[in-house]
Amino acid sequence: MALRVLLIGASGVFGTRIACELAHDPRFSLTLAGEALAALVGFAVETQLETLTS
């Protein structure tokens, strides 16, 4: 069972680095939150994350 993680500030510099580390780790179910929706969508596409909601 994956640990659910809500990453607030994921569109910022530091949040993006954390998201990159957690994105493909099967131990975590990652939810991203941030001010820049375009940056979050770009990250999700780039890392091939499965689900997007706005």
PDB file of N, CA and C in Angstrom:
ATOM      1  N   MET A   1       0.844  -1.180   0.000  1.00  0.00           N
ATOM      2  CA  MET A   1       0.000   0.000   0.000  1.00  0.00           C
ATOM      3  C   MET A   1       0.889   1.244   0.000  1.00  0.00           C
ATOM      4  N   ALA A   2       0.622   2.150  -0.923  1.00  0.00           N
ATOM      5  CA  ALA A   2       1.432   3.353  -1.075  1.00  0.00           C
ATOM      6  C   ALA A   2       1.074   4.389  -0.017  1.00  0.00           C
ATOM      7  N   LEU A   3       2.090   5.090   0.437  1.00  0.00           N
ATOM      8  CA  LEU A   3       1.911   6.187   1.380  1.00  0.00           C
ATOM      9  C   LEU A   3       1.483   7.407   0.587  1.00  0.00           C
ATOM     10  N   ARG A   4       0.358   8.021   0.973  1.00  0.00           N
ATOM     11  CA  ARG A   4      -0.153   9.189   0.263  1.00  0.00           C
ATOM     12  C   ARG A   4       0.583  10.435   0.718  1.00  0.00           C
ATOM     13  N   VAL A   5       1.117  11.195  -0.261  1.00  0.00           N
ATOM     14  CA  VAL A   5       1.887  12.399   0.026  1.00  0.00           C
ATOM     15  C   VAL A   5       1.268  13.570  -0.723  1.00  0.00           C
ATOM     16  N   LEU A   6       0.952  14.651   0.001  1.00  0.00           N
ATOM     17  CA  LEU A   6       0.495  15.899  -0.600  1.00  0.00           C
ATOM     18  C   LEU A   6       1.675  16.856  -0.564  1.00  0.00           C
ATOM     19  N   LEU A   7       2.171  17.220  -1.734  1.00  0.00           N
ATOM     20  CA  LEU A   7       3.317  18.102  -1.830  1.00  0.00           C
ATOM     21  C   LEU A   7       2.821  19.498  -2.195  1.00  0.00           C
ATOM     22  N   ILE A   8       2.794  20.381  -1.202  1.00  0.00           N
ATOM     23  CA  ILE A   8       2.350  21.763  -1.402  1.00  0.00           C
ATOM     24  C   ILE A   8       3.560  22.591  -1.824  1.00  0.00           C
ATOM     25  N   GLY A   9       3.392  23.374  -2.867  1.00  0.00           N
ATOM     26  CA  GLY A   9       4.504  24.159  -3.398  1.00  0.00           C
ATOM     27  C   GLY A   9       5.300  23.396  -4.438  1.00  0.00           C
ATOM     28  N   ALA A  10       4.660  22.449  -5.080  1.00  0.00           N
ATOM     29  CA  ALA A  10       5.346  21.569  -6.029  1.00  0.00           C
ATOM     30  C   ALA A  10       5.760  22.274  -7.310  1.00  0.00           C
ATOM     31  N   SER A  11       5.253  23.473  -7.567  1.00  0.00           N
ATOM     32  CA  SER A  11       5.646  24.174  -8.790  1.00  0.00           C
ATOM     33  C   SER A  11       6.855  25.074  -8.569  1.00  0.00           C
ATOM     34  N   GLY A  12       7.321  25.168  -7.338  1.00  0.00           N
ATOM     35  CA  GLY A  12       8.508  25.964  -7.040  1.00  0.00           C
ATOM     36  C   GLY A  12       9.789  25.179  -7.262  1.00  0.00           C
ATOM     37  N   VAL A  13      10.910  25.835  -7.057  1.00  0.00           N
ATOM     38  CA  VAL A  13      12.214  25.212  -7.307  1.00  0.00           C
ATOM     39  C   VAL A  13      12.436  24.016  -6.378  1.00  0.00           C
ATOM     40  N   PHE A  14      12.285  24.208  -5.099  1.00  0.00           N
ATOM     41  CA  PHE A  14      12.529  23.132  -4.148  1.00  0.00           C
ATOM     42  C   PHE A  14      11.456  22.045  -4.242  1.00  0.00           C
ATOM     43  N   GLY A  15      10.194  22.448  -4.390  1.00  0.00           N
ATOM     44  CA  GLY A  15       9.110  21.477  -4.506  1.00  0.00           C
ATOM     45  C   GLY A  15       9.246  20.598  -5.733  1.00  0.00           C
ATOM     46  N   THR A  16       9.741  21.174  -6.825  1.00  0.00           N
ATOM     47  CA  THR A  16       9.956  20.405  -8.049  1.00  0.00           C
ATOM     48  C   THR A  16      11.026  19.334  -7.836  1.00  0.00           C
ATOM     49  N   ARG A  17      12.063  19.677  -7.101  1.00  0.00           N
ATOM     50  CA  ARG A  17      13.124  18.692  -6.818  1.00  0.00           C
ATOM     51  C   ARG A  17      12.587  17.536  -5.981  1.00  0.00           C
ATOM     52  N   ILE A  18      11.780  17.854  -4.983  1.00  0.00           N
ATOM     53  CA  ILE A  18      11.191  16.797  -4.150  1.00  0.00           C
ATOM     54  C   ILE A  18      10.257  15.937  -4.997  1.00  0.00           C
ATOM     55  N   ALA A  19       9.433  16.583  -5.812  1.00  0.00           N
ATOM     56  CA  ALA A  19       8.491  15.847  -6.664  1.00  0.00           C
ATOM     57  C   ALA A  19       9.223  14.906  -7.606  1.00  0.00           C
ATOM     58  N   CYS A  20      10.338  15.344  -8.157  1.00  0.00           N
ATOM     59  CA  CYS A  20      11.124  14.487  -9.057  1.00  0.00           C
ATOM     60  C   CYS A  20      11.613  13.240  -8.338  1.00  0.00           C
ATOM     61  N   GLU A  21      12.020  13.391  -7.095  1.00  0.00           N
ATOM     62  CA  GLU A  21      12.512  12.245  -6.329  1.00  0.00           C
ATOM     63  C   GLU A  21      11.386  11.262  -5.984  1.00  0.00           C
ATOM     64  N   LEU A  22      10.197  11.779  -5.711  1.00  0.00           N
ATOM     65  CA  LEU A  22       9.088  10.932  -5.271  1.00  0.00           C
ATOM     66  C   LEU A  22       8.222  10.389  -6.405  1.00  0.00           C
ATOM     67  N   ALA A  23       8.317  11.002  -7.588  1.00  0.00           N
ATOM     68  CA  ALA A  23       7.381  10.706  -8.682  1.00  0.00           C
ATOM     69  C   ALA A  23       7.353   9.238  -9.093  1.00  0.00           C
ATOM     70  N   HIS A  24       8.493   8.606  -9.145  1.00  0.00           N
ATOM     71  CA  HIS A  24       8.529   7.229  -9.637  1.00  0.00           C
ATOM     72  C   HIS A  24       8.865   6.216  -8.551  1.00  0.00           C
ATOM     73  N   ASP A  25       8.716   6.625  -7.318  1.00  0.00           N
ATOM     74  CA  ASP A  25       8.952   5.716  -6.195  1.00  0.00           C
ATOM     75  C   ASP A  25       7.626   5.025  -5.864  1.00  0.00           C
ATOM     76  N   PRO A  26       7.540   3.723  -6.035  1.00  0.00           N
ATOM     77  CA  PRO A  26       6.265   3.019  -5.836  1.00  0.00           C
ATOM     78  C   PRO A  26       5.765   3.043  -4.391  1.00  0.00           C
ATOM     79  N   ARG A  27       6.587   3.472  -3.456  1.00  0.00           N
ATOM     80  CA  ARG A  27       6.153   3.535  -2.057  1.00  0.00           C
ATOM     81  C   ARG A  27       5.242   4.725  -1.787  1.00  0.00           C
ATOM     82  N   PHE A  28       5.145   5.665  -2.763  1.00  0.00           N
ATOM     83  CA  PHE A  28       4.391   6.895  -2.552  1.00  0.00           C
ATOM     84  C   PHE A  28       3.326   7.100  -3.615  1.00  0.00           C
ATOM     85  N   SER A  29       2.171   7.586  -3.178  1.00  0.00           N
ATOM     86  CA  SER A  29       1.129   8.072  -4.076  1.00  0.00           C
ATOM     87  C   SER A  29       1.166   9.590  -3.954  1.00  0.00           C
ATOM     88  N   LEU A  30       1.574  10.270  -5.008  1.00  0.00           N
ATOM     89  CA  LEU A  30       1.913  11.692  -4.950  1.00  0.00           C
ATOM     90  C   LEU A  30       0.788  12.565  -5.468  1.00  0.00           C
ATOM     91  N   THR A  31       0.434  13.585  -4.688  1.00  0.00           N
ATOM     92  CA  THR A  31      -0.498  14.623  -5.106  1.00  0.00           C
ATOM     93  C   THR A  31       0.259  15.940  -5.066  1.00  0.00           C
ATOM     94  N   LEU A  32       0.260  16.649  -6.186  1.00  0.00           N
ATOM     95  CA  LEU A  32       0.994  17.904  -6.289  1.00  0.00           C
ATOM     96  C   LEU A  32       0.053  19.094  -6.180  1.00  0.00           C
ATOM     97  N   ALA A  33       0.482  20.138  -5.467  1.00  0.00           N
ATOM     98  CA  ALA A  33      -0.290  21.368  -5.348  1.00  0.00           C
ATOM     99  C   ALA A  33       0.663  22.543  -5.498  1.00  0.00           C
ATOM    100  N   GLY A  34       0.223  23.577  -6.198  1.00  0.00           N
ATOM    101  CA  GLY A  34       1.068  24.752  -6.374  1.00  0.00           C
ATOM    102  C   GLY A  34       0.309  25.846  -7.096  1.00  0.00           C
ATOM    103  N   GLU A  35       0.922  27.015  -7.152  1.00  0.00           N
ATOM    104  CA  GLU A  35       0.269  28.171  -7.771  1.00  0.00           C
ATOM    105  C   GLU A  35       0.278  28.109  -9.292  1.00  0.00           C
ATOM    106  N   ALA A  36       1.314  27.534  -9.871  1.00  0.00           N
ATOM    107  CA  ALA A  36       1.483  27.540 -11.326  1.00  0.00           C
ATOM    108  C   ALA A  36       0.976  26.222 -11.920  1.00  0.00           C
ATOM    109  N   LEU A  37      -0.289  26.213 -12.324  1.00  0.00           N
ATOM    110  CA  LEU A  37      -0.896  25.003 -12.880  1.00  0.00           C
ATOM    111  C   LEU A  37      -0.149  24.529 -14.121  1.00  0.00           C
ATOM    112  N   ALA A  38       0.290  25.457 -14.954  1.00  0.00           N
ATOM    113  CA  ALA A  38       1.006  25.074 -16.177  1.00  0.00           C
ATOM    114  C   ALA A  38       2.294  24.316 -15.837  1.00  0.00           C
ATOM    115  N   ALA A  39       2.990  24.734 -14.799  1.00  0.00           N
ATOM    116  CA  ALA A  39       4.217  24.046 -14.393  1.00  0.00           C
ATOM    117  C   ALA A  39       3.903  22.647 -13.877  1.00  0.00           C
ATOM    118  N   LEU A  40       2.810  22.498 -13.143  1.00  0.00           N
ATOM    119  CA  LEU A  40       2.424  21.188 -12.620  1.00  0.00           C
ATOM    120  C   LEU A  40       2.009  20.251 -13.747  1.00  0.00           C
ATOM    121  N   VAL A  41       1.271  20.760 -14.702  1.00  0.00           N
ATOM    122  CA  VAL A  41       0.864  19.946 -15.855  1.00  0.00           C
ATOM    123  C   VAL A  41       2.095  19.541 -16.656  1.00  0.00           C
ATOM    124  N   GLY A  42       3.012  20.470 -16.870  1.00  0.00           N
ATOM    125  CA  GLY A  42       4.249  20.150 -17.583  1.00  0.00           C
ATOM    126  C   GLY A  42       5.051  19.081 -16.875  1.00  0.00           C
ATOM    127  N   PHE A  43       5.123  19.168 -15.549  1.00  0.00           N
ATOM    128  CA  PHE A  43       5.841  18.164 -14.768  1.00  0.00           C
ATOM    129  C   PHE A  43       5.161  16.803 -14.900  1.00  0.00           C
ATOM    130  N   ALA A  44       3.852  16.789 -14.818  1.00  0.00           N
ATOM    131  CA  ALA A  44       3.111  15.528 -14.910  1.00  0.00           C
ATOM    132  C   ALA A  44       3.319  14.876 -16.278  1.00  0.00           C
ATOM    133  N   VAL A  45       3.309  15.670 -17.326  1.00  0.00           N
ATOM    134  CA  VAL A  45       3.527  15.137 -18.672  1.00  0.00           C
ATOM    135  C   VAL A  45       4.964  14.645 -18.806  1.00  0.00           C
ATOM    136  N   GLU A  46       5.893  15.434 -18.323  1.00  0.00           N
ATOM    137  CA  GLU A  46       7.316  15.086 -18.426  1.00  0.00           C
ATOM    138  C   GLU A  46       7.650  13.805 -17.680  1.00  0.00           C
ATOM    139  N   THR A  47       7.053  13.586 -16.524  1.00  0.00           N
ATOM    140  CA  THR A  47       7.354  12.414 -15.719  1.00  0.00           C
ATOM    141  C   THR A  47       6.363  11.291 -15.952  1.00  0.00           C
ATOM    142  N   GLN A  48       5.388  11.508 -16.834  1.00  0.00           N
ATOM    143  CA  GLN A  48       4.379  10.513 -17.197  1.00  0.00           C
ATOM    144  C   GLN A  48       3.558  10.061 -15.995  1.00  0.00           C
ATOM    145  N   LEU A  49       3.157  11.018 -15.151  1.00  0.00           N
ATOM    146  CA  LEU A  49       2.272  10.700 -14.037  1.00  0.00           C
ATOM    147  C   LEU A  49       0.893  10.352 -14.593  1.00  0.00           C
ATOM    148  N   GLU A  50       0.165   9.544 -13.857  1.00  0.00           N
ATOM    149  CA  GLU A  50      -1.067   8.962 -14.379  1.00  0.00           C
ATOM    150  C   GLU A  50      -2.283   9.868 -14.320  1.00  0.00           C
ATOM    151  N   THR A  51      -2.454  10.663 -13.278  1.00  0.00           N
ATOM    152  CA  THR A  51      -3.709  11.376 -13.071  1.00  0.00           C
ATOM    153  C   THR A  51      -3.486  12.864 -12.945  1.00  0.00           C
ATOM    154  N   LEU A  52      -4.338  13.635 -13.617  1.00  0.00           N
ATOM    155  CA  LEU A  52      -4.324  15.088 -13.503  1.00  0.00           C
ATOM    156  C   LEU A  52      -5.711  15.577 -13.115  1.00  0.00           C
ATOM    157  N   THR A  53      -5.776  16.450 -12.138  1.00  0.00           N
ATOM    158  CA  THR A  53      -7.016  17.140 -11.815  1.00  0.00           C
ATOM    159  C   THR A  53      -6.678  18.590 -11.522  1.00  0.00           C
ATOM    160  N   SER A  54      -7.600  19.479 -11.820  1.00  0.00           N
ATOM    161  CA  SER A  54      -7.334  20.910 -11.548  1.00  0.00           C
ATOM    162  C   SER A  54      -8.282  21.411 -10.488  1.00  0.00           C
TER     163      SER A  54
END
